[in-house]
Each structure stands twice: as structure tokens, then as C-alpha cells.
Amino acid sequence: MDKTADHPTSTRFRVSDGAVRRLREIIEEQDDPTPTPPGLRVSVLAGGCNGFQYKFALERDLAPDDILIPAGETHVIVDPASLDLLDGGELDFKDSLMGAHFTIHNPQATSSCGCGTSFSVD
């Protein structure tokens, strides 16, 4: 089964051009001789000050039900449960005076903390 762009759920969560650029830079900085670059796993976990929190990690290992969302030469990996909480959202990268970080614009979030890494849903 093709789990990339043709998968019907892969369009439920988008990756901005800025996030693609930063992911490419991170992978290039890894200086990894492996021909297959890692993907960026985006997960939603229980926790944080609002009930859920985002987690980001470079990974190569995939679970059978993972969804791959194209991101330049690599991909973003999302598990189905996290995708339900990210539905309609977008992964972006922000570089500001407050710091540089991946951020998620999540229309499912009904409230979030000041740092933007924790959120709640109704």
C-alpha cells in the first residue's frame, strides 16, 4: 500500500515551504551516509499544561499504519491517532526573536499555552 501523497489522509495535514526548508537543513547537518534520509515524526501525546502536547523527532522506522506526507526530499510521519488531532493543520517553521522552532497551526485546538507546544480540544 502506498502511504504517501496518494493516501487520502495525507492531505489532512500540510507541510509549509518553510518547514520543508528547515527539515532539509537539519538532515544535511546530520551528515548521515545512509541513502534514505530520516523523516520528521510529528506526534500528539497526552500531557502538557492543556491536555495534549506536540512531539517532533527524526526517525527512519515506520509503523505499519503510519502516514507519510511528502516534504521535499523526505517526508513527515504521522500516526493515525495524531492525524485525527491535527486534521486540517499545517506544520510550519518560525524563526523570530523568541527563537527558531517548528510550530503547528491546528484548527482542532480550542486553546493552547503561551509556548504553543500544548493544546486542548473539545
PDB file of N, CA and C in Angstrom:
ATOM      1  N   MET A   1       0.840  -1.183   0.000  1.00  0.00           N
ATOM      2  CA  MET A   1       0.000   0.000   0.000  1.00  0.00           C
ATOM      3  C   MET A   1       0.881   1.240   0.000  1.00  0.00           C
ATOM      4  N   ASP A   2       0.612   2.160  -0.895  1.00  0.00           N
ATOM      5  CA  ASP A   2       1.347   3.422  -0.949  1.00  0.00           C
ATOM      6  C   ASP A   2       0.827   4.323   0.159  1.00  0.00           C
ATOM      7  N   LYS A   3       1.713   4.732   1.057  1.00  0.00           N
ATOM      8  CA  LYS A   3       1.295   5.533   2.194  1.00  0.00           C
ATOM      9  C   LYS A   3       1.732   6.988   2.046  1.00  0.00           C
ATOM     10  N   THR A   4       1.985   7.431   0.834  1.00  0.00           N
ATOM     11  CA  THR A   4       2.452   8.802   0.655  1.00  0.00           C
ATOM     12  C   THR A   4       1.337   9.679   0.099  1.00  0.00           C
ATOM     13  N   ALA A   5       1.648  10.518  -0.864  1.00  0.00           N
ATOM     14  CA  ALA A   5       0.747  11.568  -1.334  1.00  0.00           C
ATOM     15  C   ALA A   5      -0.616  11.077  -1.787  1.00  0.00           C
ATOM     16  N   ASP A   6      -0.710   9.860  -2.328  1.00  0.00           N
ATOM     17  CA  ASP A   6      -1.990   9.388  -2.814  1.00  0.00           C
ATOM     18  C   ASP A   6      -2.899   8.890  -1.695  1.00  0.00           C
ATOM     19  N   HIS A   7      -2.371   8.760  -0.510  1.00  0.00           N
ATOM     20  CA  HIS A   7      -3.182   8.310   0.615  1.00  0.00           C
ATOM     21  C   HIS A   7      -4.197   9.404   0.932  1.00  0.00           C
ATOM     22  N   PRO A   8      -5.474   9.072   1.071  1.00  0.00           N
ATOM     23  CA  PRO A   8      -6.492  10.103   1.253  1.00  0.00           C
ATOM     24  C   PRO A   8      -6.299  10.965   2.487  1.00  0.00           C
ATOM     25  N   THR A   9      -5.648  10.448   3.534  1.00  0.00           N
ATOM     26  CA  THR A   9      -5.483  11.255   4.736  1.00  0.00           C
ATOM     27  C   THR A   9      -4.240  12.128   4.699  1.00  0.00           C
ATOM     28  N   SER A  10      -3.361  11.933   3.718  1.00  0.00           N
ATOM     29  CA  SER A  10      -2.117  12.708   3.716  1.00  0.00           C
ATOM     30  C   SER A  10      -2.355  14.181   3.441  1.00  0.00           C
ATOM     31  N   THR A  11      -3.497  14.544   2.870  1.00  0.00           N
ATOM     32  CA  THR A  11      -3.788  15.953   2.617  1.00  0.00           C
ATOM     33  C   THR A  11      -4.474  16.606   3.811  1.00  0.00           C
ATOM     34  N   ARG A  12      -4.758  15.854   4.851  1.00  0.00           N
ATOM     35  CA  ARG A  12      -5.403  16.418   6.035  1.00  0.00           C
ATOM     36  C   ARG A  12      -4.438  17.236   6.882  1.00  0.00           C
ATOM     37  N   PHE A  13      -3.140  17.071   6.649  1.00  0.00           N
ATOM     38  CA  PHE A  13      -2.121  17.800   7.397  1.00  0.00           C
ATOM     39  C   PHE A  13      -1.067  18.237   6.397  1.00  0.00           C
ATOM     40  N   ARG A  14      -0.824  19.534   6.320  1.00  0.00           N
ATOM     41  CA  ARG A  14       0.089  20.083   5.320  1.00  0.00           C
ATOM     42  C   ARG A  14       1.436  20.451   5.952  1.00  0.00           C
ATOM     43  N   VAL A  15       2.428  20.591   5.082  1.00  0.00           N
ATOM     44  CA  VAL A  15       3.776  20.984   5.496  1.00  0.00           C
ATOM     45  C   VAL A  15       4.137  22.232   4.697  1.00  0.00           C
ATOM     46  N   SER A  16       4.441  23.335   5.382  1.00  0.00           N
ATOM     47  CA  SER A  16       4.762  24.592   4.702  1.00  0.00           C
ATOM     48  C   SER A  16       6.128  24.521   4.026  1.00  0.00           C
ATOM     49  N   ASP A  17       6.356  25.433   3.096  1.00  0.00           N
ATOM     50  CA  ASP A  17       7.665  25.516   2.435  1.00  0.00           C
ATOM     51  C   ASP A  17       8.772  25.800   3.447  1.00  0.00           C
ATOM     52  N   GLY A  18       8.481  26.639   4.443  1.00  0.00           N
ATOM     53  CA  GLY A  18       9.473  26.945   5.473  1.00  0.00           C
ATOM     54  C   GLY A  18       9.857  25.719   6.282  1.00  0.00           C
ATOM     55  N   ALA A  19       8.885  24.872   6.590  1.00  0.00           N
ATOM     56  CA  ALA A  19       9.170  23.637   7.327  1.00  0.00           C
ATOM     57  C   ALA A  19       9.979  22.673   6.469  1.00  0.00           C
ATOM     58  N   VAL A  20       9.663  22.602   5.179  1.00  0.00           N
ATOM     59  CA  VAL A  20      10.423  21.736   4.265  1.00  0.00           C
ATOM     60  C   VAL A  20      11.876  22.196   4.203  1.00  0.00           C
ATOM     61  N   ARG A  21      12.094  23.513   4.071  1.00  0.00           N
ATOM     62  CA  ARG A  21      13.463  24.044   4.008  1.00  0.00           C
ATOM     63  C   ARG A  21      14.240  23.710   5.277  1.00  0.00           C
ATOM     64  N   ARG A  22      13.619  23.940   6.437  1.00  0.00           N
ATOM     65  CA  ARG A  22      14.326  23.684   7.699  1.00  0.00           C
ATOM     66  C   ARG A  22      14.588  22.197   7.893  1.00  0.00           C
ATOM     67  N   LEU A  23      13.650  21.356   7.520  1.00  0.00           N
ATOM     68  CA  LEU A  23      13.862  19.915   7.622  1.00  0.00           C
ATOM     69  C   LEU A  23      15.022  19.490   6.736  1.00  0.00           C
ATOM     70  N   ARG A  24      15.109  20.049   5.529  1.00  0.00           N
ATOM     71  CA  ARG A  24      16.230  19.751   4.628  1.00  0.00           C
ATOM     72  C   ARG A  24      17.549  20.162   5.284  1.00  0.00           C
ATOM     73  N   GLU A  25      17.598  21.356   5.894  1.00  0.00           N
ATOM     74  CA  GLU A  25      18.815  21.825   6.562  1.00  0.00           C
ATOM     75  C   GLU A  25      19.216  20.895   7.711  1.00  0.00           C
ATOM     76  N   ILE A  26      18.249  20.479   8.498  1.00  0.00           N
ATOM     77  CA  ILE A  26      18.535  19.591   9.628  1.00  0.00           C
ATOM     78  C   ILE A  26      19.111  18.274   9.137  1.00  0.00           C
ATOM     79  N   ILE A  27      18.522  17.720   8.098  1.00  0.00           N
ATOM     80  CA  ILE A  27      19.003  16.444   7.560  1.00  0.00           C
ATOM     81  C   ILE A  27      20.407  16.599   6.988  1.00  0.00           C
ATOM     82  N   GLU A  28      20.679  17.713   6.293  1.00  0.00           N
ATOM     83  CA  GLU A  28      22.018  17.953   5.751  1.00  0.00           C
ATOM     84  C   GLU A  28      23.042  18.091   6.870  1.00  0.00           C
ATOM     85  N   GLU A  29      22.660  18.699   7.984  1.00  0.00           N
ATOM     86  CA  GLU A  29      23.563  18.865   9.124  1.00  0.00           C
ATOM     87  C   GLU A  29      23.885  17.533   9.796  1.00  0.00           C
ATOM     88  N   GLN A  30      23.047  16.536   9.617  1.00  0.00           N
ATOM     89  CA  GLN A  30      23.259  15.217  10.222  1.00  0.00           C
ATOM     90  C   GLN A  30      24.478  14.519   9.631  1.00  0.00           C
ATOM     91  N   ASP A  31      24.842  14.858   8.396  1.00  0.00           N
ATOM     92  CA  ASP A  31      25.977  14.237   7.710  1.00  0.00           C
ATOM     93  C   ASP A  31      25.891  12.714   7.811  1.00  0.00           C
ATOM     94  N   ASP A  32      24.723  12.201   7.469  1.00  0.00           N
ATOM     95  CA  ASP A  32      24.424  10.770   7.569  1.00  0.00           C
ATOM     96  C   ASP A  32      24.681  10.104   6.224  1.00  0.00           C
ATOM     97  N   PRO A  33      25.525   9.063   6.181  1.00  0.00           N
ATOM     98  CA  PRO A  33      25.834   8.415   4.905  1.00  0.00           C
ATOM     99  C   PRO A  33      24.710   7.516   4.375  1.00  0.00           C
ATOM    100  N   THR A  34      23.668   7.294   5.171  1.00  0.00           N
ATOM    101  CA  THR A  34      22.565   6.436   4.747  1.00  0.00           C
ATOM    102  C   THR A  34      21.842   7.079   3.570  1.00  0.00           C
ATOM    103  N   PRO A  35      21.575   6.314   2.499  1.00  0.00           N
ATOM    104  CA  PRO A  35      20.946   6.907   1.316  1.00  0.00           C
ATOM    105  C   PRO A  35      19.507   7.377   1.537  1.00  0.00           C
ATOM    106  N   THR A  36      18.811   6.790   2.496  1.00  0.00           N
ATOM    107  CA  THR A  36      17.434   7.200   2.760  1.00  0.00           C
ATOM    108  C   THR A  36      17.421   8.169   3.934  1.00  0.00           C
ATOM    109  N   PRO A  37      17.026   9.421   3.704  1.00  0.00           N
ATOM    110  CA  PRO A  37      17.020  10.382   4.807  1.00  0.00           C
ATOM    111  C   PRO A  37      15.913  10.054   5.804  1.00  0.00           C
ATOM    112  N   PRO A  38      16.112  10.451   7.056  1.00  0.00           N
ATOM    113  CA  PRO A  38      15.045  10.233   8.030  1.00  0.00           C
ATOM    114  C   PRO A  38      13.873  11.161   7.734  1.00  0.00           C
ATOM    115  N   GLY A  39      12.740  10.828   8.284  1.00  0.00           N
ATOM    116  CA  GLY A  39      11.578  11.704   8.202  1.00  0.00           C
ATOM    117  C   GLY A  39      11.385  12.387   9.544  1.00  0.00           C
ATOM    118  N   LEU A  40      10.567  13.407   9.552  1.00  0.00           N
ATOM    119  CA  LEU A  40      10.241  14.094  10.800  1.00  0.00           C
ATOM    120  C   LEU A  40       8.923  13.534  11.314  1.00  0.00           C
ATOM    121  N   ARG A  41       8.988  12.831  12.438  1.00  0.00           N
ATOM    122  CA  ARG A  41       7.756  12.315  13.037  1.00  0.00           C
ATOM    123  C   ARG A  41       7.112  13.434  13.853  1.00  0.00           C
ATOM    124  N   VAL A  42       5.835  13.662  13.592  1.00  0.00           N
ATOM    125  CA  VAL A  42       5.033  14.609  14.358  1.00  0.00           C
ATOM    126  C   VAL A  42       3.997  13.785  15.110  1.00  0.00           C
ATOM    127  N   SER A  43       4.050  13.849  16.431  1.00  0.00           N
ATOM    128  CA  SER A  43       3.128  13.081  17.267  1.00  0.00           C
ATOM    129  C   SER A  43       2.374  14.007  18.200  1.00  0.00           C
ATOM    130  N   VAL A  44       1.196  13.584  18.583  1.00  0.00           N
ATOM    131  CA  VAL A  44       0.430  14.260  19.619  1.00  0.00           C
ATOM    132  C   VAL A  44       0.339  13.290  20.789  1.00  0.00           C
ATOM    133  N   LEU A  45       0.803  13.749  21.951  1.00  0.00           N
ATOM    134  CA  LEU A  45       0.822  12.920  23.154  1.00  0.00           C
ATOM    135  C   LEU A  45      -0.033  13.558  24.240  1.00  0.00           C
ATOM    136  N   ALA A  46      -0.568  12.751  25.130  1.00  0.00           N
ATOM    137  CA  ALA A  46      -1.261  13.287  26.294  1.00  0.00           C
ATOM    138  C   ALA A  46      -0.228  13.953  27.189  1.00  0.00           C
ATOM    139  N   GLY A  47      -0.558  15.143  27.691  1.00  0.00           N
ATOM    140  CA  GLY A  47       0.352  15.840  28.586  1.00  0.00           C
ATOM    141  C   GLY A  47       0.386  17.324  28.314  1.00  0.00           C
ATOM    142  N   GLY A  48       1.326  17.989  28.911  1.00  0.00           N
ATOM    143  CA  GLY A  48       1.425  19.430  28.768  1.00  0.00           C
ATOM    144  C   GLY A  48       0.411  20.123  29.668  1.00  0.00           C
ATOM    145  N   CYS A  49       0.404  21.422  29.645  1.00  0.00           N
ATOM    146  CA  CYS A  49      -0.474  22.170  30.543  1.00  0.00           C
ATOM    147  C   CYS A  49      -1.910  22.268  30.041  1.00  0.00           C
ATOM    148  N   ASN A  50      -2.184  21.838  28.801  1.00  0.00           N
ATOM    149  CA  ASN A  50      -3.540  21.929  28.254  1.00  0.00           C
ATOM    150  C   ASN A  50      -4.134  20.589  27.843  1.00  0.00           C
ATOM    151  N   GLY A  51      -3.482  19.490  28.128  1.00  0.00           N
ATOM    152  CA  GLY A  51      -4.056  18.186  27.826  1.00  0.00           C
ATOM    153  C   GLY A  51      -3.313  17.387  26.775  1.00  0.00           C
ATOM    154  N   PHE A  52      -2.835  18.059  25.725  1.00  0.00           N
ATOM    155  CA  PHE A  52      -2.074  17.396  24.666  1.00  0.00           C
ATOM    156  C   PHE A  52      -0.827  18.209  24.372  1.00  0.00           C
ATOM    157  N   GLN A  53       0.216  17.520  23.900  1.00  0.00           N
ATOM    158  CA  GLN A  53       1.425  18.233  23.502  1.00  0.00           C
ATOM    159  C   GLN A  53       1.986  17.626  22.226  1.00  0.00           C
ATOM    160  N   TYR A  54       2.686  18.456  21.462  1.00  0.00           N
ATOM    161  CA  TYR A  54       3.312  18.014  20.218  1.00  0.00           C
ATOM    162  C   TYR A  54       4.697  17.462  20.519  1.00  0.00           C
ATOM    163  N   LYS A  55       5.094  16.458  19.754  1.00  0.00           N
ATOM    164  CA  LYS A  55       6.449  15.920  19.852  1.00  0.00           C
ATOM    165  C   LYS A  55       7.000  15.809  18.438  1.00  0.00           C
ATOM    166  N   PHE A  56       8.261  16.205  18.258  1.00  0.00           N
ATOM    167  CA  PHE A  56       8.943  16.139  16.966  1.00  0.00           C
ATOM    168  C   PHE A  56      10.199  15.294  17.131  1.00  0.00           C
ATOM    169  N   ALA A  57      10.444  14.386  16.181  1.00  0.00           N
ATOM    170  CA  ALA A  57      11.648  13.549  16.238  1.00  0.00           C
ATOM    171  C   ALA A  57      12.011  13.079  14.835  1.00  0.00           C
ATOM    172  N   LEU A  58      13.318  13.041  14.542  1.00  0.00           N
ATOM    173  CA  LEU A  58      13.776  12.458  13.278  1.00  0.00           C
ATOM    174  C   LEU A  58      13.755  10.940  13.417  1.00  0.00           C
ATOM    175  N   GLU A  59      13.135  10.267  12.463  1.00  0.00           N
ATOM    176  CA  GLU A  59      13.031   8.810  12.526  1.00  0.00           C
ATOM    177  C   GLU A  59      13.084   8.193  11.144  1.00  0.00           C
ATOM    178  N   ARG A  60      13.553   6.963  11.119  1.00  0.00           N
ATOM    179  CA  ARG A  60      13.511   6.150   9.894  1.00  0.00           C
ATOM    180  C   ARG A  60      12.497   5.013  10.030  1.00  0.00           C
ATOM    181  N   ASP A  61      12.294   4.562  11.262  1.00  0.00           N
ATOM    182  CA  ASP A  61      11.410   3.421  11.495  1.00  0.00           C
ATOM    183  C   ASP A  61       9.951   3.834  11.346  1.00  0.00           C
ATOM    184  N   LEU A  62       9.207   2.998  10.646  1.00  0.00           N
ATOM    185  CA  LEU A  62       7.794   3.268  10.410  1.00  0.00           C
ATOM    186  C   LEU A  62       6.941   2.152  10.987  1.00  0.00           C
ATOM    187  N   ALA A  63       5.804   2.525  11.538  1.00  0.00           N
ATOM    188  CA  ALA A  63       4.798   1.546  11.947  1.00  0.00           C
ATOM    189  C   ALA A  63       3.947   1.234  10.718  1.00  0.00           C
ATOM    190  N   PRO A  64       3.310   0.075  10.686  1.00  0.00           N
ATOM    191  CA  PRO A  64       2.513  -0.295   9.509  1.00  0.00           C
ATOM    192  C   PRO A  64       1.409   0.698   9.153  1.00  0.00           C
ATOM    193  N   ASP A  65       0.865   1.403  10.143  1.00  0.00           N
ATOM    194  CA  ASP A  65      -0.239   2.322   9.861  1.00  0.00           C
ATOM    195  C   ASP A  65       0.187   3.789   9.778  1.00  0.00           C
ATOM    196  N   ASP A  66       1.487   4.078   9.814  1.00  0.00           N
ATOM    197  CA  ASP A  66       1.960   5.460   9.694  1.00  0.00           C
ATOM    198  C   ASP A  66       1.577   6.058   8.347  1.00  0.00           C
ATOM    199  N   ILE A  67       1.324   7.351   8.358  1.00  0.00           N
ATOM    200  CA  ILE A  67       1.026   8.107   7.150  1.00  0.00           C
ATOM    201  C   ILE A  67       2.259   8.940   6.823  1.00  0.00           C
ATOM    202  N   LEU A  68       2.692   8.924   5.554  1.00  0.00           N
ATOM    203  CA  LEU A  68       3.841   9.712   5.103  1.00  0.00           C
ATOM    204  C   LEU A  68       3.337  10.885   4.288  1.00  0.00           C
ATOM    205  N   ILE A  69       3.743  12.077   4.695  1.00  0.00           N
ATOM    206  CA  ILE A  69       3.359  13.297   3.996  1.00  0.00           C
ATOM    207  C   ILE A  69       4.612  13.857   3.345  1.00  0.00           C
ATOM    208  N   PRO A  70       4.623  13.984   2.019  1.00  0.00           N
ATOM    209  CA  PRO A  70       5.818  14.462   1.323  1.00  0.00           C
ATOM    210  C   PRO A  70       6.282  15.821   1.850  1.00  0.00           C
ATOM    211  N   ALA A  71       7.605  15.952   1.989  1.00  0.00           N
ATOM    212  CA  ALA A  71       8.223  17.196   2.450  1.00  0.00           C
ATOM    213  C   ALA A  71       9.568  17.334   1.747  1.00  0.00           C
ATOM    214  N   GLY A  72       9.542  17.763   0.502  1.00  0.00           N
ATOM    215  CA  GLY A  72      10.777  17.867  -0.267  1.00  0.00           C
ATOM    216  C   GLY A  72      11.331  16.492  -0.557  1.00  0.00           C
ATOM    217  N   GLU A  73      12.618  16.295  -0.241  1.00  0.00           N
ATOM    218  CA  GLU A  73      13.282  15.015  -0.498  1.00  0.00           C
ATOM    219  C   GLU A  73      12.960  13.973   0.563  1.00  0.00           C
ATOM    220  N   THR A  74      12.249  14.345   1.598  1.00  0.00           N
ATOM    221  CA  THR A  74      11.912  13.414   2.671  1.00  0.00           C
ATOM    222  C   THR A  74      10.418  13.480   2.941  1.00  0.00           C
ATOM    223  N   HIS A  75      10.016  13.199   4.168  1.00  0.00           N
ATOM    224  CA  HIS A  75       8.599  13.160   4.484  1.00  0.00           C
ATOM    225  C   HIS A  75       8.381  13.442   5.972  1.00  0.00           C
ATOM    226  N   VAL A  76       7.149  13.798   6.278  1.00  0.00           N
ATOM    227  CA  VAL A  76       6.702  13.920   7.656  1.00  0.00           C
ATOM    228  C   VAL A  76       5.903  12.657   7.956  1.00  0.00           C
ATOM    229  N   ILE A  77       6.143  12.077   9.114  1.00  0.00           N
ATOM    230  CA  ILE A  77       5.496  10.835   9.529  1.00  0.00           C
ATOM    231  C   ILE A  77       4.465  11.171  10.607  1.00  0.00           C
ATOM    232  N   VAL A  78       3.237  10.706  10.408  1.00  0.00           N
ATOM    233  CA  VAL A  78       2.179  10.947  11.390  1.00  0.00           C
ATOM    234  C   VAL A  78       1.414   9.645  11.606  1.00  0.00           C
ATOM    235  N   ASP A  79       1.183   9.294  12.861  1.00  0.00           N
ATOM    236  CA  ASP A  79       0.367   8.115  13.141  1.00  0.00           C
ATOM    237  C   ASP A  79      -1.115   8.507  13.043  1.00  0.00           C
ATOM    238  N   PRO A  80      -1.999   7.554  12.790  1.00  0.00           N
ATOM    239  CA  PRO A  80      -3.418   7.875  12.588  1.00  0.00           C
ATOM    240  C   PRO A  80      -4.078   8.603  13.764  1.00  0.00           C
ATOM    241  N   ALA A  81      -3.764   8.233  15.001  1.00  0.00           N
ATOM    242  CA  ALA A  81      -4.376   8.899  16.153  1.00  0.00           C
ATOM    243  C   ALA A  81      -3.953  10.366  16.222  1.00  0.00           C
ATOM    244  N   SER A  82      -2.676  10.645  15.956  1.00  0.00           N
ATOM    245  CA  SER A  82      -2.205  12.033  15.947  1.00  0.00           C
ATOM    246  C   SER A  82      -2.833  12.802  14.795  1.00  0.00           C
ATOM    247  N   LEU A  83      -2.960  12.149  13.639  1.00  0.00           N
ATOM    248  CA  LEU A  83      -3.544  12.821  12.476  1.00  0.00           C
ATOM    249  C   LEU A  83      -4.963  13.288  12.766  1.00  0.00           C
ATOM    250  N   ASP A  84      -5.724  12.511  13.521  1.00  0.00           N
ATOM    251  CA  ASP A  84      -7.081  12.937  13.880  1.00  0.00           C
ATOM    252  C   ASP A  84      -7.064  14.249  14.655  1.00  0.00           C
ATOM    253  N   LEU A  85      -6.055  14.456  15.497  1.00  0.00           N
ATOM    254  CA  LEU A  85      -5.953  15.685  16.288  1.00  0.00           C
ATOM    255  C   LEU A  85      -5.275  16.821  15.529  1.00  0.00           C
ATOM    256  N   LEU A  86      -4.699  16.515  14.370  1.00  0.00           N
ATOM    257  CA  LEU A  86      -4.021  17.522  13.540  1.00  0.00           C
ATOM    258  C   LEU A  86      -4.823  17.851  12.281  1.00  0.00           C
ATOM    259  N   ASP A  87      -5.997  17.274  12.143  1.00  0.00           N
ATOM    260  CA  ASP A  87      -6.806  17.386  10.933  1.00  0.00           C
ATOM    261  C   ASP A  87      -6.987  18.842  10.497  1.00  0.00           C
ATOM    262  N   GLY A  88      -6.592  19.137   9.262  1.00  0.00           N
ATOM    263  CA  GLY A  88      -6.711  20.485   8.713  1.00  0.00           C
ATOM    264  C   GLY A  88      -5.563  21.403   9.084  1.00  0.00           C
ATOM    265  N   GLY A  89      -4.589  20.900   9.826  1.00  0.00           N
ATOM    266  CA  GLY A  89      -3.491  21.722  10.314  1.00  0.00           C
ATOM    267  C   GLY A  89      -2.312  21.799   9.363  1.00  0.00           C
ATOM    268  N   GLU A  90      -1.314  22.567   9.790  1.00  0.00           N
ATOM    269  CA  GLU A  90      -0.108  22.749   8.979  1.00  0.00           C
ATOM    270  C   GLU A  90       1.117  22.833   9.878  1.00  0.00           C
ATOM    271  N   LEU A  91       2.156  22.101   9.488  1.00  0.00           N
ATOM    272  CA  LEU A  91       3.461  22.197  10.133  1.00  0.00           C
ATOM    273  C   LEU A  91       4.208  23.349   9.484  1.00  0.00           C
ATOM    274  N   ASP A  92       4.757  24.240  10.305  1.00  0.00           N
ATOM    275  CA  ASP A  92       5.498  25.387   9.797  1.00  0.00           C
ATOM    276  C   ASP A  92       6.786  25.515  10.604  1.00  0.00           C
ATOM    277  N   PHE A  93       7.673  26.383  10.145  1.00  0.00           N
ATOM    278  CA  PHE A  93       8.892  26.682  10.884  1.00  0.00           C
ATOM    279  C   PHE A  93       8.975  28.182  11.050  1.00  0.00           C
ATOM    280  N   LYS A  94       9.180  28.630  12.291  1.00  0.00           N
ATOM    281  CA  LYS A  94       9.269  30.053  12.601  1.00  0.00           C
ATOM    282  C   LYS A  94      10.652  30.374  13.142  1.00  0.00           C
ATOM    283  N   ASP A  95      11.204  31.480  12.678  1.00  0.00           N
ATOM    284  CA  ASP A  95      12.487  31.974  13.164  1.00  0.00           C
ATOM    285  C   ASP A  95      12.264  33.423  13.566  1.00  0.00           C
ATOM    286  N   SER A  96      12.246  33.690  14.872  1.00  0.00           N
ATOM    287  CA  SER A  96      11.949  35.031  15.361  1.00  0.00           C
ATOM    288  C   SER A  96      12.874  35.375  16.526  1.00  0.00           C
ATOM    289  N   LEU A  97      12.668  36.533  17.111  1.00  0.00           N
ATOM    290  CA  LEU A  97      13.457  36.944  18.272  1.00  0.00           C
ATOM    291  C   LEU A  97      13.255  35.993  19.452  1.00  0.00           C
ATOM    292  N   MET A  98      12.118  35.327  19.497  1.00  0.00           N
ATOM    293  CA  MET A  98      11.815  34.386  20.576  1.00  0.00           C
ATOM    294  C   MET A  98      12.481  33.029  20.359  1.00  0.00           C
ATOM    295  N   GLY A  99      13.071  32.816  19.186  1.00  0.00           N
ATOM    296  CA  GLY A  99      13.740  31.557  18.894  1.00  0.00           C
ATOM    297  C   GLY A  99      13.242  30.952  17.598  1.00  0.00           C
ATOM    298  N   ALA A 100      13.884  29.890  17.197  1.00  0.00           N
ATOM    299  CA  ALA A 100      13.523  29.184  15.968  1.00  0.00           C
ATOM    300  C   ALA A 100      12.964  27.821  16.353  1.00  0.00           C
ATOM    301  N   HIS A 101      11.821  27.475  15.756  1.00  0.00           N
ATOM    302  CA  HIS A 101      11.192  26.209  16.112  1.00  0.00           C
ATOM    303  C   HIS A 101      10.117  25.826  15.102  1.00  0.00           C
ATOM    304  N   PHE A 102       9.857  24.518  15.053  1.00  0.00           N
ATOM    305  CA  PHE A 102       8.706  24.048  14.296  1.00  0.00           C
ATOM    306  C   PHE A 102       7.459  24.425  15.083  1.00  0.00           C
ATOM    307  N   THR A 103       6.412  24.765  14.380  1.00  0.00           N
ATOM    308  CA  THR A 103       5.149  25.109  15.009  1.00  0.00           C
ATOM    309  C   THR A 103       4.016  24.473  14.220  1.00  0.00           C
ATOM    310  N   ILE A 104       2.911  24.275  14.863  1.00  0.00           N
ATOM    311  CA  ILE A 104       1.756  23.683  14.199  1.00  0.00           C
ATOM    312  C   ILE A 104       0.581  24.635  14.303  1.00  0.00           C
ATOM    313  N   HIS A 105       0.003  24.948  13.162  1.00  0.00           N
ATOM    314  CA  HIS A 105      -1.243  25.706  13.103  1.00  0.00           C
ATOM    315  C   HIS A 105      -2.343  24.648  13.116  1.00  0.00           C
ATOM    316  N   ASN A 106      -3.057  24.547  14.224  1.00  0.00           N
ATOM    317  CA  ASN A 106      -4.002  23.452  14.410  1.00  0.00           C
ATOM    318  C   ASN A 106      -5.419  23.974  14.625  1.00  0.00           C
ATOM    319  N   PRO A 107      -6.286  23.837  13.624  1.00  0.00           N
ATOM    320  CA  PRO A 107      -7.661  24.307  13.792  1.00  0.00           C
ATOM    321  C   PRO A 107      -8.466  23.460  14.782  1.00  0.00           C
ATOM    322  N   GLN A 108      -7.963  22.289  15.148  1.00  0.00           N
ATOM    323  CA  GLN A 108      -8.650  21.444  16.133  1.00  0.00           C
ATOM    324  C   GLN A 108      -8.448  21.957  17.558  1.00  0.00           C
ATOM    325  N   ALA A 109      -7.394  22.751  17.775  1.00  0.00           N
ATOM    326  CA  ALA A 109      -7.080  23.244  19.120  1.00  0.00           C
ATOM    327  C   ALA A 109      -8.076  24.328  19.526  1.00  0.00           C
ATOM    328  N   THR A 110      -8.707  24.137  20.676  1.00  0.00           N
ATOM    329  CA  THR A 110      -9.637  25.147  21.180  1.00  0.00           C
ATOM    330  C   THR A 110      -8.944  26.114  22.128  1.00  0.00           C
ATOM    331  N   SER A 111      -7.808  25.706  22.682  1.00  0.00           N
ATOM    332  CA  SER A 111      -6.969  26.603  23.476  1.00  0.00           C
ATOM    333  C   SER A 111      -5.556  26.052  23.453  1.00  0.00           C
ATOM    334  N   SER A 112      -4.595  26.925  23.730  1.00  0.00           N
ATOM    335  CA  SER A 112      -3.200  26.492  23.760  1.00  0.00           C
ATOM    336  C   SER A 112      -2.447  27.302  24.800  1.00  0.00           C
ATOM    337  N   CYS A 113      -1.274  26.808  25.164  1.00  0.00           N
ATOM    338  CA  CYS A 113      -0.455  27.512  26.141  1.00  0.00           C
ATOM    339  C   CYS A 113       0.353  28.606  25.441  1.00  0.00           C
ATOM    340  N   GLY A 114       1.010  29.424  26.215  1.00  0.00           N
ATOM    341  CA  GLY A 114       1.787  30.523  25.664  1.00  0.00           C
ATOM    342  C   GLY A 114       2.934  30.090  24.779  1.00  0.00           C
ATOM    343  N   CYS A 115       3.534  28.938  25.067  1.00  0.00           N
ATOM    344  CA  CYS A 115       4.675  28.495  24.271  1.00  0.00           C
ATOM    345  C   CYS A 115       4.242  27.796  22.986  1.00  0.00           C
ATOM    346  N   GLY A 116       2.961  27.420  22.880  1.00  0.00           N
ATOM    347  CA  GLY A 116       2.453  26.819  21.651  1.00  0.00           C
ATOM    348  C   GLY A 116       2.714  25.337  21.496  1.00  0.00           C
ATOM    349  N   THR A 117       3.234  24.680  22.528  1.00  0.00           N
ATOM    350  CA  THR A 117       3.502  23.245  22.396  1.00  0.00           C
ATOM    351  C   THR A 117       2.425  22.390  23.043  1.00  0.00           C
ATOM    352  N   SER A 118       1.501  23.002  23.766  1.00  0.00           N
ATOM    353  CA  SER A 118       0.439  22.268  24.432  1.00  0.00           C
ATOM    354  C   SER A 118      -0.900  22.851  24.007  1.00  0.00           C
ATOM    355  N   PHE A 119      -1.900  21.982  23.860  1.00  0.00           N
ATOM    356  CA  PHE A 119      -3.211  22.450  23.414  1.00  0.00           C
ATOM    357  C   PHE A 119      -4.311  21.553  23.956  1.00  0.00           C
ATOM    358  N   SER A 120      -5.543  22.028  23.834  1.00  0.00           N
ATOM    359  CA  SER A 120      -6.693  21.213  24.209  1.00  0.00           C
ATOM    360  C   SER A 120      -7.697  21.222  23.065  1.00  0.00           C
ATOM    361  N   VAL A 121      -8.575  20.240  23.073  1.00  0.00           N
ATOM    362  CA  VAL A 121      -9.654  20.137  22.085  1.00  0.00           C
ATOM    363  C   VAL A 121     -10.957  19.916  22.838  1.00  0.00           C
ATOM    364  N   ASP A 122     -12.061  20.251  22.194  1.00  0.00           N
ATOM    365  CA  ASP A 122     -13.384  19.997  22.807  1.00  0.00           C
ATOM    366  C   ASP A 122     -13.828  18.585  22.555  1.00  0.00           C
TER     367      ASP A 122
END
